[in-house]
Amino acid sequence: MDASSVTRQRYKLNFDRHSKQRHFKIDDKVLVRDFRKNPREVEWTSGVLINRIG
């Protein structure tokens, strides 16, 4: 193994240790980032999941 692959594995292990999988179902209430307005201003809006892709 070269140094970059060892570093990549270390980053992945650290990320996986602190992350969690998210599972959404149809009709779940969610918060969605609204990109339609000024992209420099972060704005979130509430919604309901109506379709799932992937």
Protein backbone atom coordinates (compact mmCIF):
# COMPACT_ATOMS: atom_id res chain seq x y z
CA MET A 1 0.00 0.00 0.00
CA ASP A 2 1.19 3.46 -0.76
CA ALA A 3 0.86 6.42 1.59
CA SER A 4 -2.15 7.93 -0.20
CA SER A 5 -4.23 4.75 0.07
CA VAL A 6 -3.41 4.43 3.77
CA THR A 7 -4.45 8.05 4.30
CA ARG A 8 -7.64 7.51 2.29
CA GLN A 9 -8.55 4.48 4.44
CA ARG A 10 -7.89 6.44 7.61
CA TYR A 11 -10.16 9.29 6.43
CA LYS A 12 -12.90 6.80 5.52
CA LEU A 13 -12.73 5.05 8.90
CA ASN A 14 -12.90 8.38 10.73
CA PHE A 15 -15.87 9.54 8.62
CA ASP A 16 -17.74 6.25 9.02
CA ARG A 17 -17.24 6.31 12.78
CA HIS A 18 -19.09 9.63 13.13
CA SER A 19 -21.72 9.32 10.40
CA LYS A 20 -25.07 7.57 10.39
CA GLN A 21 -27.23 6.25 7.61
CA ARG A 22 -30.47 8.10 6.95
CA HIS A 23 -33.54 6.28 5.74
CA PHE A 24 -36.55 8.20 4.47
CA LYS A 25 -39.98 6.84 3.63
CA ILE A 26 -42.78 8.34 1.57
CA ASP A 27 -44.89 10.75 3.68
CA ASP A 28 -41.95 11.53 6.03
CA LYS A 29 -41.66 15.18 7.05
CA VAL A 30 -38.32 16.65 5.97
CA LEU A 31 -36.40 19.92 5.83
CA VAL A 32 -35.12 20.86 2.37
CA ARG A 33 -32.56 23.48 1.42
CA ASP A 34 -34.11 26.00 -0.96
CA PHE A 35 -31.68 26.83 -3.79
CA ARG A 36 -34.17 28.88 -5.83
CA LYS A 37 -33.34 32.15 -4.11
CA ASN A 38 -29.95 33.72 -3.40
CA PRO A 39 -27.47 30.80 -3.20
CA ARG A 40 -25.36 32.71 -0.67
CA GLU A 41 -28.20 32.77 1.84
CA VAL A 42 -28.99 29.44 3.43
CA GLU A 43 -32.73 28.94 3.62
CA TRP A 44 -34.55 25.78 4.63
CA THR A 45 -38.18 24.93 4.06
CA SER A 46 -40.32 22.09 5.38
CA GLY A 47 -41.86 19.50 3.12
CA VAL A 48 -43.25 15.99 2.83
CA LEU A 49 -41.54 13.25 0.85
CA ILE A 50 -43.80 12.27 -2.06
CA ASN A 51 -41.43 10.22 -4.23
CA ARG A 52 -38.19 8.34 -3.74
CA ILE A 53 -35.51 7.86 -6.39
CA GLY A 54 -32.68 5.43 -5.65
